Structure formats: C-alpha cells, structure tokens
C-alpha cells in the first residue's frame, strides 16, 4: 500500500477498485465497455494501465477520472 500512496502523490492514476465500482463490480462490463478481454481486466494491478485509464475517462465523459 505504501507504493500505491507514492504513486498517487507523483503520478496521475485511476484505481481499479473505482472502475469496478462504477461498473457495478463487474469485470465483464468493464471489458465489454473497453472492447478488451475479461482476463485483461483481471490482470490489471491495483492501478489501471494508463492507456485504459484515459480511455475510460473519455468514454465515461469524466465520470471516471485520472487523478
């Protein structure tokens, strides 16, 4: 958790838990929304990969934001 705190201080990030909460806890919904496999979503670490994070920010019209 110290690493995540460090990352939040110095980098723009989006948390996987926030994304899952937005999609009702469903990795399948996230995957379908992004056009990727469910396995890819499951493989995300606690921090959403940058390319997916910015894509989510745009496609949700800012409801999910890189912070």
N, C-alpha and C. Protein backbone atom coordinates (compact mmCIF):
# COMPACT_ATOMS: atom_id res chain seq x y z
N UNK A 1 0.81 -1.19 0.00
CA UNK A 1 0.00 0.00 0.00
C UNK A 1 0.85 1.27 0.00
N UNK A 2 2.05 1.20 0.52
CA UNK A 2 2.93 2.36 0.50
C UNK A 2 3.26 2.74 -0.94
N UNK A 3 3.45 1.74 -1.78
CA UNK A 3 3.75 2.01 -3.19
C UNK A 3 2.58 2.74 -3.83
N UNK A 4 1.34 2.30 -3.57
CA UNK A 4 0.18 2.97 -4.14
C UNK A 4 0.08 4.41 -3.67
N UNK A 5 0.38 4.67 -2.40
CA UNK A 5 0.35 6.03 -1.88
C UNK A 5 1.39 6.89 -2.58
N UNK A 6 2.56 6.34 -2.80
CA UNK A 6 3.62 7.04 -3.51
C UNK A 6 3.18 7.37 -4.93
N UNK A 7 2.60 6.38 -5.61
CA UNK A 7 2.15 6.59 -6.98
C UNK A 7 1.11 7.69 -7.06
N UNK A 8 0.18 7.71 -6.11
CA UNK A 8 -0.86 8.72 -6.11
C UNK A 8 -0.29 10.12 -5.93
N UNK A 9 0.78 10.24 -5.19
CA UNK A 9 1.39 11.55 -4.96
C UNK A 9 2.10 12.09 -6.20
N UNK A 10 2.69 11.20 -6.99
CA UNK A 10 3.58 11.65 -8.05
C UNK A 10 3.11 11.37 -9.47
N UNK A 11 2.07 10.59 -9.63
CA UNK A 11 1.61 10.24 -10.96
C UNK A 11 0.09 10.34 -11.04
N UNK A 12 -0.41 10.56 -12.24
CA UNK A 12 -1.84 10.54 -12.48
C UNK A 12 -2.28 9.08 -12.59
N UNK A 13 -3.24 8.69 -11.76
CA UNK A 13 -3.66 7.30 -11.74
C UNK A 13 -5.17 7.18 -11.67
N UNK A 14 -5.64 5.98 -11.95
CA UNK A 14 -7.03 5.60 -11.75
C UNK A 14 -7.01 4.24 -11.06
N UNK A 15 -7.77 4.12 -9.99
CA UNK A 15 -7.79 2.87 -9.23
C UNK A 15 -8.74 1.85 -9.86
N UNK A 16 -8.28 0.62 -9.90
CA UNK A 16 -9.09 -0.48 -10.42
C UNK A 16 -10.39 -0.60 -9.61
N UNK A 17 -10.30 -0.41 -8.31
CA UNK A 17 -11.49 -0.53 -7.45
C UNK A 17 -12.54 0.51 -7.82
N UNK A 18 -12.13 1.72 -8.20
CA UNK A 18 -13.07 2.76 -8.61
C UNK A 18 -13.77 2.37 -9.92
N UNK A 19 -13.00 1.80 -10.83
CA UNK A 19 -13.57 1.38 -12.12
C UNK A 19 -14.59 0.27 -11.89
N UNK A 20 -14.22 -0.72 -11.10
CA UNK A 20 -15.14 -1.82 -10.84
C UNK A 20 -16.40 -1.33 -10.14
N UNK A 21 -16.26 -0.41 -9.20
CA UNK A 21 -17.43 0.14 -8.51
C UNK A 21 -18.36 0.84 -9.50
N UNK A 22 -17.79 1.60 -10.41
CA UNK A 22 -18.59 2.31 -11.42
C UNK A 22 -19.40 1.34 -12.27
N UNK A 23 -18.80 0.19 -12.58
CA UNK A 23 -19.46 -0.81 -13.41
C UNK A 23 -20.17 -1.89 -12.59
N UNK A 24 -20.54 -1.56 -11.38
CA UNK A 24 -21.31 -2.48 -10.55
C UNK A 24 -20.53 -3.70 -10.10
N UNK A 25 -19.21 -3.58 -10.04
CA UNK A 25 -18.37 -4.68 -9.58
C UNK A 25 -18.11 -5.75 -10.62
N UNK A 26 -18.47 -5.48 -11.87
CA UNK A 26 -18.38 -6.49 -12.92
C UNK A 26 -17.19 -6.27 -13.87
N UNK A 27 -16.17 -7.12 -13.76
CA UNK A 27 -15.06 -7.03 -14.71
C UNK A 27 -15.54 -7.27 -16.16
N UNK A 28 -16.57 -8.08 -16.31
CA UNK A 28 -17.11 -8.35 -17.65
C UNK A 28 -17.66 -7.07 -18.28
N UNK A 29 -18.37 -6.26 -17.51
CA UNK A 29 -18.91 -5.00 -18.03
C UNK A 29 -17.78 -4.04 -18.42
N UNK A 30 -16.75 -4.00 -17.60
CA UNK A 30 -15.60 -3.15 -17.91
C UNK A 30 -14.99 -3.60 -19.23
N UNK A 31 -14.77 -4.90 -19.36
CA UNK A 31 -14.15 -5.45 -20.56
C UNK A 31 -14.99 -5.16 -21.80
N UNK A 32 -16.29 -5.37 -21.71
CA UNK A 32 -17.17 -5.11 -22.86
C UNK A 32 -17.15 -3.63 -23.23
N UNK A 33 -17.16 -2.77 -22.23
CA UNK A 33 -17.15 -1.34 -22.46
C UNK A 33 -15.89 -0.91 -23.20
N UNK A 34 -14.75 -1.49 -22.82
CA UNK A 34 -13.47 -1.13 -23.41
C UNK A 34 -13.12 -1.95 -24.65
N UNK A 35 -13.86 -3.02 -24.89
CA UNK A 35 -13.54 -3.88 -26.03
C UNK A 35 -12.29 -4.71 -25.80
N UNK A 36 -12.08 -5.12 -24.55
CA UNK A 36 -10.94 -5.97 -24.21
C UNK A 36 -11.46 -7.24 -23.54
N UNK A 37 -10.57 -8.17 -23.27
CA UNK A 37 -10.99 -9.42 -22.64
C UNK A 37 -11.18 -9.25 -21.13
N UNK A 38 -12.00 -10.09 -20.57
CA UNK A 38 -12.20 -10.10 -19.12
C UNK A 38 -10.87 -10.43 -18.44
N UNK A 39 -10.10 -11.30 -19.05
CA UNK A 39 -8.80 -11.68 -18.49
C UNK A 39 -7.87 -10.47 -18.40
N UNK A 40 -7.97 -9.56 -19.37
CA UNK A 40 -7.14 -8.36 -19.34
C UNK A 40 -7.51 -7.49 -18.13
N UNK A 41 -8.79 -7.36 -17.87
CA UNK A 41 -9.23 -6.58 -16.70
C UNK A 41 -8.76 -7.24 -15.42
N UNK A 42 -8.90 -8.56 -15.33
CA UNK A 42 -8.44 -9.28 -14.14
C UNK A 42 -6.93 -9.13 -13.95
N UNK A 43 -6.20 -8.97 -15.04
CA UNK A 43 -4.73 -8.86 -14.96
C UNK A 43 -4.26 -7.48 -14.53
N UNK A 44 -5.16 -6.48 -14.56
CA UNK A 44 -4.76 -5.15 -14.12
C UNK A 44 -4.28 -5.20 -12.68
N UNK A 45 -3.22 -4.45 -12.36
CA UNK A 45 -2.85 -4.31 -10.95
C UNK A 45 -3.85 -3.38 -10.27
N UNK A 46 -3.58 -2.92 -9.09
CA UNK A 46 -4.49 -2.01 -8.38
C UNK A 46 -4.66 -0.69 -9.11
N UNK A 47 -3.69 -0.34 -9.93
CA UNK A 47 -3.72 0.89 -10.71
C UNK A 47 -4.00 0.51 -12.16
N UNK A 48 -5.04 1.13 -12.75
CA UNK A 48 -5.41 0.84 -14.14
C UNK A 48 -4.29 1.31 -15.06
N UNK A 49 -3.93 0.50 -16.06
CA UNK A 49 -2.91 0.93 -17.02
C UNK A 49 -3.30 2.28 -17.65
N UNK A 50 -2.31 3.10 -17.88
CA UNK A 50 -2.55 4.47 -18.31
C UNK A 50 -3.44 4.58 -19.55
N UNK A 51 -3.19 3.75 -20.55
CA UNK A 51 -3.98 3.84 -21.78
C UNK A 51 -5.46 3.53 -21.51
N UNK A 52 -5.73 2.54 -20.69
CA UNK A 52 -7.11 2.21 -20.36
C UNK A 52 -7.74 3.28 -19.47
N UNK A 53 -6.95 3.85 -18.59
CA UNK A 53 -7.46 4.88 -17.68
C UNK A 53 -7.94 6.10 -18.45
N UNK A 54 -7.13 6.56 -19.38
CA UNK A 54 -7.53 7.74 -20.16
C UNK A 54 -8.69 7.42 -21.09
N UNK A 55 -8.73 6.22 -21.62
CA UNK A 55 -9.85 5.80 -22.46
C UNK A 55 -11.15 5.80 -21.63
N UNK A 56 -11.08 5.27 -20.41
CA UNK A 56 -12.24 5.27 -19.53
C UNK A 56 -12.68 6.70 -19.20
N UNK A 57 -11.73 7.57 -18.98
CA UNK A 57 -12.07 8.96 -18.66
C UNK A 57 -12.85 9.60 -19.82
N UNK A 58 -12.39 9.37 -21.02
CA UNK A 58 -13.06 9.95 -22.19
C UNK A 58 -14.41 9.30 -22.43
N UNK A 59 -14.45 7.98 -22.42
CA UNK A 59 -15.69 7.27 -22.75
C UNK A 59 -16.79 7.42 -21.70
N UNK A 60 -16.40 7.73 -20.45
CA UNK A 60 -17.42 7.96 -19.41
C UNK A 60 -17.70 9.45 -19.24
N UNK A 61 -17.21 10.25 -20.17
CA UNK A 61 -17.40 11.72 -20.10
C UNK A 61 -16.97 12.29 -18.75
N UNK A 62 -15.88 11.76 -18.23
CA UNK A 62 -15.31 12.28 -17.00
C UNK A 62 -15.89 11.72 -15.72
N UNK A 63 -16.85 10.80 -15.81
CA UNK A 63 -17.39 10.18 -14.60
C UNK A 63 -16.28 9.43 -13.87
N UNK A 64 -15.42 8.78 -14.63
CA UNK A 64 -14.19 8.20 -14.09
C UNK A 64 -13.07 9.11 -14.53
N UNK A 65 -12.23 9.50 -13.58
CA UNK A 65 -11.17 10.46 -13.90
C UNK A 65 -9.81 9.97 -13.43
N UNK A 66 -8.82 10.27 -14.24
CA UNK A 66 -7.44 10.07 -13.83
C UNK A 66 -7.13 11.18 -12.84
N UNK A 67 -6.63 10.78 -11.67
CA UNK A 67 -6.37 11.77 -10.60
C UNK A 67 -4.89 11.85 -10.31
